[in-house]
Amino acid sequence: MKKTVIYLLMLLAILTFNFNFAHAANDRPKTELTAEQRAELNRITARVKEIRAMDKSELSREERKELRKELREMKKQANAIGGGVYLSVGAILIIILLLIIIL
């Protein structure tokens, strides 16, 4: 029984530190964006460049905070336009273990 537990822990450690999952996710073909999505993405990109070019040393703390919030929102919008579902290695392991237990 102890050997089985040790082998399972070793297998779990090997699967946890195997980063081939991320490489396989990049092999999918890119989907084409619509003209509306491209325009929105270009608007976001232009605004980010504008914010990076700003002299932030003259801004107050609240203004810098607002810029960070705006950048976070734009990042969420850009990720939503790109789409995609991402699973972490831990989530994949839990799914596999649940499938093994069920089946």
N, C-alpha and C. Protein backbone atom coordinates (compact mmCIF):
# COMPACT_ATOMS: atom_id res chain seq x y z
N MET A 1 0.82 -1.19 0.00
CA MET A 1 0.00 0.00 0.00
C MET A 1 0.86 1.26 0.00
N LYS A 2 1.97 1.24 0.80
CA LYS A 2 2.83 2.41 0.88
C LYS A 2 3.51 2.67 -0.46
N LYS A 3 3.90 1.58 -1.14
CA LYS A 3 4.55 1.75 -2.44
C LYS A 3 3.60 2.36 -3.46
N THR A 4 2.35 1.97 -3.40
CA THR A 4 1.35 2.52 -4.33
C THR A 4 1.18 4.01 -4.10
N VAL A 5 1.11 4.41 -2.85
CA VAL A 5 0.96 5.83 -2.53
C VAL A 5 2.19 6.61 -3.01
N ILE A 6 3.37 6.06 -2.79
CA ILE A 6 4.60 6.73 -3.22
C ILE A 6 4.63 6.85 -4.74
N TYR A 7 4.25 5.79 -5.44
CA TYR A 7 4.24 5.84 -6.90
C TYR A 7 3.22 6.86 -7.41
N LEU A 8 2.06 6.93 -6.78
CA LEU A 8 1.06 7.91 -7.19
C LEU A 8 1.55 9.34 -6.95
N LEU A 9 2.23 9.57 -5.82
CA LEU A 9 2.77 10.90 -5.55
C LEU A 9 3.87 11.27 -6.55
N MET A 10 4.70 10.29 -6.92
CA MET A 10 5.73 10.56 -7.92
C MET A 10 5.10 10.88 -9.27
N LEU A 11 4.08 10.13 -9.64
CA LEU A 11 3.38 10.38 -10.89
C LEU A 11 2.73 11.76 -10.88
N LEU A 12 2.14 12.12 -9.78
CA LEU A 12 1.52 13.44 -9.65
C LEU A 12 2.56 14.55 -9.78
N ALA A 13 3.73 14.36 -9.16
CA ALA A 13 4.80 15.36 -9.26
C ALA A 13 5.30 15.48 -10.69
N ILE A 14 5.45 14.37 -11.38
CA ILE A 14 5.93 14.40 -12.77
C ILE A 14 4.92 15.11 -13.66
N LEU A 15 3.64 14.81 -13.49
CA LEU A 15 2.61 15.44 -14.30
C LEU A 15 2.44 16.92 -13.97
N THR A 16 2.68 17.28 -12.72
CA THR A 16 2.54 18.68 -12.31
C THR A 16 3.59 19.55 -12.98
N PHE A 17 4.80 19.06 -13.11
CA PHE A 17 5.89 19.86 -13.64
C PHE A 17 6.13 19.63 -15.12
N ASN A 18 5.20 19.01 -15.80
CA ASN A 18 5.31 18.80 -17.23
C ASN A 18 4.57 19.95 -17.92
N PHE A 19 5.29 20.79 -18.65
CA PHE A 19 4.70 21.99 -19.23
C PHE A 19 4.40 21.81 -20.71
N ASN A 20 4.18 20.62 -21.18
CA ASN A 20 3.85 20.41 -22.58
C ASN A 20 2.41 20.80 -22.88
N PHE A 21 1.57 20.94 -21.87
CA PHE A 21 0.19 21.33 -22.09
C PHE A 21 0.12 22.73 -22.69
N ALA A 22 0.94 23.65 -22.20
CA ALA A 22 0.92 25.02 -22.70
C ALA A 22 1.40 25.08 -24.14
N HIS A 23 2.36 24.26 -24.50
CA HIS A 23 2.87 24.25 -25.86
C HIS A 23 1.82 23.72 -26.84
N ALA A 24 1.07 22.74 -26.43
CA ALA A 24 0.06 22.15 -27.30
C ALA A 24 -1.10 23.12 -27.54
N ALA A 25 -1.36 24.01 -26.60
CA ALA A 25 -2.47 24.96 -26.76
C ALA A 25 -2.17 25.99 -27.85
N ASN A 26 -0.90 26.24 -28.15
CA ASN A 26 -0.54 27.24 -29.14
C ASN A 26 -0.63 26.72 -30.58
N ASP A 27 -0.90 25.45 -30.77
CA ASP A 27 -0.94 24.87 -32.10
C ASP A 27 -2.28 25.08 -32.81
N ARG A 28 -3.26 25.62 -32.10
CA ARG A 28 -4.58 25.82 -32.70
C ARG A 28 -4.54 26.97 -33.71
N PRO A 29 -5.28 26.85 -34.79
CA PRO A 29 -5.30 27.96 -35.76
C PRO A 29 -6.03 29.17 -35.18
N LYS A 30 -5.59 30.35 -35.57
CA LYS A 30 -6.20 31.59 -35.11
C LYS A 30 -7.51 31.82 -35.86
N THR A 31 -8.50 32.33 -35.15
CA THR A 31 -9.76 32.67 -35.81
C THR A 31 -9.68 34.12 -36.28
N GLU A 32 -10.32 34.40 -37.38
CA GLU A 32 -10.31 35.74 -37.94
C GLU A 32 -11.25 36.64 -37.16
N LEU A 33 -10.82 37.89 -36.95
CA LEU A 33 -11.65 38.86 -36.25
C LEU A 33 -12.53 39.60 -37.25
N THR A 34 -13.69 39.99 -36.80
CA THR A 34 -14.56 40.80 -37.65
C THR A 34 -14.02 42.23 -37.71
N ALA A 35 -14.54 43.01 -38.62
CA ALA A 35 -14.09 44.39 -38.76
C ALA A 35 -14.37 45.20 -37.49
N GLU A 36 -15.50 44.92 -36.87
CA GLU A 36 -15.86 45.61 -35.63
C GLU A 36 -14.89 45.26 -34.50
N GLN A 37 -14.54 43.98 -34.40
CA GLN A 37 -13.60 43.54 -33.37
C GLN A 37 -12.21 44.13 -33.62
N ARG A 38 -11.79 44.16 -34.89
CA ARG A 38 -10.49 44.75 -35.23
C ARG A 38 -10.46 46.24 -34.85
N ALA A 39 -11.54 46.95 -35.14
CA ALA A 39 -11.61 48.37 -34.80
C ALA A 39 -11.52 48.58 -33.29
N GLU A 40 -12.23 47.77 -32.54
CA GLU A 40 -12.17 47.85 -31.08
C GLU A 40 -10.77 47.55 -30.56
N LEU A 41 -10.13 46.53 -31.12
CA LEU A 41 -8.78 46.17 -30.71
C LEU A 41 -7.79 47.28 -31.06
N ASN A 42 -7.96 47.91 -32.22
CA ASN A 42 -7.10 49.04 -32.60
C ASN A 42 -7.30 50.23 -31.67
N ARG A 43 -8.56 50.47 -31.25
CA ARG A 43 -8.84 51.55 -30.32
C ARG A 43 -8.16 51.30 -28.98
N ILE A 44 -8.24 50.06 -28.50
CA ILE A 44 -7.61 49.69 -27.22
C ILE A 44 -6.10 49.85 -27.33
N THR A 45 -5.52 49.38 -28.43
CA THR A 45 -4.08 49.47 -28.62
C THR A 45 -3.62 50.92 -28.65
N ALA A 46 -4.36 51.76 -29.34
CA ALA A 46 -4.00 53.18 -29.42
C ALA A 46 -4.07 53.83 -28.04
N ARG A 47 -5.08 53.50 -27.27
CA ARG A 47 -5.22 54.08 -25.92
C ARG A 47 -4.09 53.62 -25.01
N VAL A 48 -3.69 52.35 -25.11
CA VAL A 48 -2.59 51.84 -24.29
C VAL A 48 -1.29 52.56 -24.65
N LYS A 49 -1.04 52.76 -25.94
CA LYS A 49 0.16 53.49 -26.36
C LYS A 49 0.13 54.92 -25.84
N GLU A 50 -1.05 55.53 -25.86
CA GLU A 50 -1.20 56.89 -25.37
C GLU A 50 -0.90 56.96 -23.87
N ILE A 51 -1.38 55.97 -23.11
CA ILE A 51 -1.13 55.94 -21.66
C ILE A 51 0.35 55.72 -21.38
N ARG A 52 0.99 54.85 -22.14
CA ARG A 52 2.42 54.60 -21.94
C ARG A 52 3.27 55.84 -22.25
N ALA A 53 2.82 56.65 -23.18
CA ALA A 53 3.57 57.84 -23.55
C ALA A 53 3.36 58.99 -22.57
N MET A 54 2.38 58.88 -21.68
CA MET A 54 2.08 59.94 -20.72
C MET A 54 3.20 60.09 -19.69
N ASP A 55 3.34 61.30 -19.18
CA ASP A 55 4.25 61.55 -18.07
C ASP A 55 3.45 61.36 -16.78
N LYS A 56 3.61 60.22 -16.16
CA LYS A 56 2.79 59.86 -15.01
C LYS A 56 3.28 60.49 -13.71
N SER A 57 4.45 61.11 -13.73
CA SER A 57 4.98 61.72 -12.50
C SER A 57 4.16 62.94 -12.09
N GLU A 58 3.48 63.56 -13.03
CA GLU A 58 2.68 64.74 -12.72
C GLU A 58 1.27 64.39 -12.25
N LEU A 59 0.88 63.14 -12.35
CA LEU A 59 -0.47 62.74 -11.98
C LEU A 59 -0.59 62.53 -10.48
N SER A 60 -1.79 62.74 -9.98
CA SER A 60 -2.04 62.47 -8.56
C SER A 60 -2.24 60.96 -8.37
N ARG A 61 -2.30 60.57 -7.13
CA ARG A 61 -2.45 59.15 -6.81
C ARG A 61 -3.76 58.60 -7.36
N GLU A 62 -4.83 59.38 -7.24
CA GLU A 62 -6.14 58.94 -7.72
C GLU A 62 -6.16 58.79 -9.24
N GLU A 63 -5.49 59.71 -9.91
CA GLU A 63 -5.44 59.64 -11.38
C GLU A 63 -4.66 58.41 -11.84
N ARG A 64 -3.56 58.10 -11.16
CA ARG A 64 -2.79 56.89 -11.51
C ARG A 64 -3.63 55.64 -11.25
N LYS A 65 -4.40 55.68 -10.16
CA LYS A 65 -5.28 54.56 -9.83
C LYS A 65 -6.33 54.36 -10.91
N GLU A 66 -6.91 55.46 -11.39
CA GLU A 66 -7.90 55.39 -12.47
C GLU A 66 -7.28 54.84 -13.75
N LEU A 67 -6.03 55.23 -14.05
CA LEU A 67 -5.36 54.70 -15.24
C LEU A 67 -5.15 53.19 -15.13
N ARG A 68 -4.75 52.72 -13.94
CA ARG A 68 -4.58 51.27 -13.75
C ARG A 68 -5.89 50.53 -13.94
N LYS A 69 -6.97 51.08 -13.40
CA LYS A 69 -8.29 50.46 -13.56
C LYS A 69 -8.68 50.41 -15.04
N GLU A 70 -8.42 51.52 -15.74
CA GLU A 70 -8.75 51.57 -17.16
C GLU A 70 -7.95 50.54 -17.95
N LEU A 71 -6.67 50.40 -17.61
CA LEU A 71 -5.84 49.42 -18.30
C LEU A 71 -6.31 47.99 -18.03
N ARG A 72 -6.71 47.72 -16.80
CA ARG A 72 -7.23 46.38 -16.48
C ARG A 72 -8.49 46.07 -17.27
N GLU A 73 -9.39 47.05 -17.35
CA GLU A 73 -10.63 46.86 -18.11
C GLU A 73 -10.35 46.63 -19.59
N MET A 74 -9.40 47.40 -20.14
CA MET A 74 -9.06 47.22 -21.55
C MET A 74 -8.42 45.86 -21.79
N LYS A 75 -7.63 45.39 -20.83
CA LYS A 75 -7.03 44.07 -20.96
C LYS A 75 -8.12 42.99 -20.96
N LYS A 76 -9.11 43.13 -20.10
CA LYS A 76 -10.22 42.17 -20.08
C LYS A 76 -10.98 42.18 -21.40
N GLN A 77 -11.20 43.38 -21.95
CA GLN A 77 -11.91 43.48 -23.22
C GLN A 77 -11.10 42.84 -24.34
N ALA A 78 -9.79 43.08 -24.36
CA ALA A 78 -8.94 42.51 -25.41
C ALA A 78 -8.91 40.99 -25.31
N ASN A 79 -8.86 40.47 -24.09
CA ASN A 79 -8.89 39.01 -23.91
C ASN A 79 -10.23 38.44 -24.33
N ALA A 80 -11.31 39.15 -24.08
CA ALA A 80 -12.64 38.68 -24.48
C ALA A 80 -12.77 38.66 -26.00
N ILE A 81 -12.18 39.63 -26.66
CA ILE A 81 -12.22 39.65 -28.13
C ILE A 81 -11.45 38.47 -28.70
N GLY A 82 -10.29 38.19 -28.10
CA GLY A 82 -9.46 37.08 -28.57
C GLY A 82 -10.12 35.73 -28.29
N GLY A 83 -10.85 35.66 -27.21
CA GLY A 83 -11.56 34.42 -26.85
C GLY A 83 -10.61 33.35 -26.38
N GLY A 84 -11.15 32.15 -26.24
CA GLY A 84 -10.33 31.02 -25.82
C GLY A 84 -10.63 30.59 -24.41
N VAL A 85 -10.40 29.33 -24.15
CA VAL A 85 -10.59 28.77 -22.82
C VAL A 85 -9.25 28.22 -22.38
N TYR A 86 -8.83 28.60 -21.19
CA TYR A 86 -7.54 28.16 -20.68
C TYR A 86 -7.75 27.32 -19.44
N LEU A 87 -7.09 26.18 -19.39
CA LEU A 87 -7.14 25.30 -18.22
C LEU A 87 -5.75 25.20 -17.63
N SER A 88 -5.67 25.32 -16.33
CA SER A 88 -4.38 25.17 -15.67
C SER A 88 -4.05 23.68 -15.56
N VAL A 89 -2.79 23.41 -15.25
CA VAL A 89 -2.35 22.02 -15.10
C VAL A 89 -3.08 21.37 -13.94
N GLY A 90 -3.29 22.12 -12.87
CA GLY A 90 -4.01 21.59 -11.72
C GLY A 90 -5.44 21.21 -12.06
N ALA A 91 -6.10 22.04 -12.87
CA ALA A 91 -7.47 21.73 -13.28
C ALA A 91 -7.51 20.48 -14.14
N ILE A 92 -6.54 20.33 -15.02
CA ILE A 92 -6.48 19.14 -15.87
C ILE A 92 -6.26 17.90 -15.02
N LEU A 93 -5.39 17.99 -14.02
CA LEU A 93 -5.16 16.84 -13.13
C LEU A 93 -6.42 16.47 -12.36
N ILE A 94 -7.14 17.45 -11.87
CA ILE A 94 -8.37 17.17 -11.13
C ILE A 94 -9.39 16.51 -12.04
N ILE A 95 -9.50 16.98 -13.27
CA ILE A 95 -10.43 16.37 -14.23
C ILE A 95 -10.06 14.92 -14.49
N ILE A 96 -8.77 14.67 -14.70
CA ILE A 96 -8.31 13.30 -14.97
C ILE A 96 -8.59 12.40 -13.77
N LEU A 97 -8.30 12.89 -12.57
CA LEU A 97 -8.55 12.08 -11.37
C LEU A 97 -10.04 11.80 -11.20
N LEU A 98 -10.88 12.77 -11.44
CA LEU A 98 -12.32 12.53 -11.35
C LEU A 98 -12.79 11.52 -12.38
N LEU A 99 -12.25 11.59 -13.58
CA LEU A 99 -12.61 10.60 -14.60
C LEU A 99 -12.16 9.20 -14.20
N ILE A 100 -10.98 9.11 -13.62
CA ILE A 100 -10.50 7.79 -13.16
C ILE A 100 -11.38 7.23 -12.06
N ILE A 101 -11.76 8.09 -11.13
CA ILE A 101 -12.60 7.63 -10.01
C ILE A 101 -13.99 7.22 -10.50
N ILE A 102 -14.56 8.01 -11.42
CA ILE A 102 -15.90 7.72 -11.92
C ILE A 102 -15.91 6.45 -12.77
N LEU A 103 -14.91 6.34 -13.64
CA LEU A 103 -14.89 5.19 -14.54
C LEU A 103 -14.20 4.06 -13.85
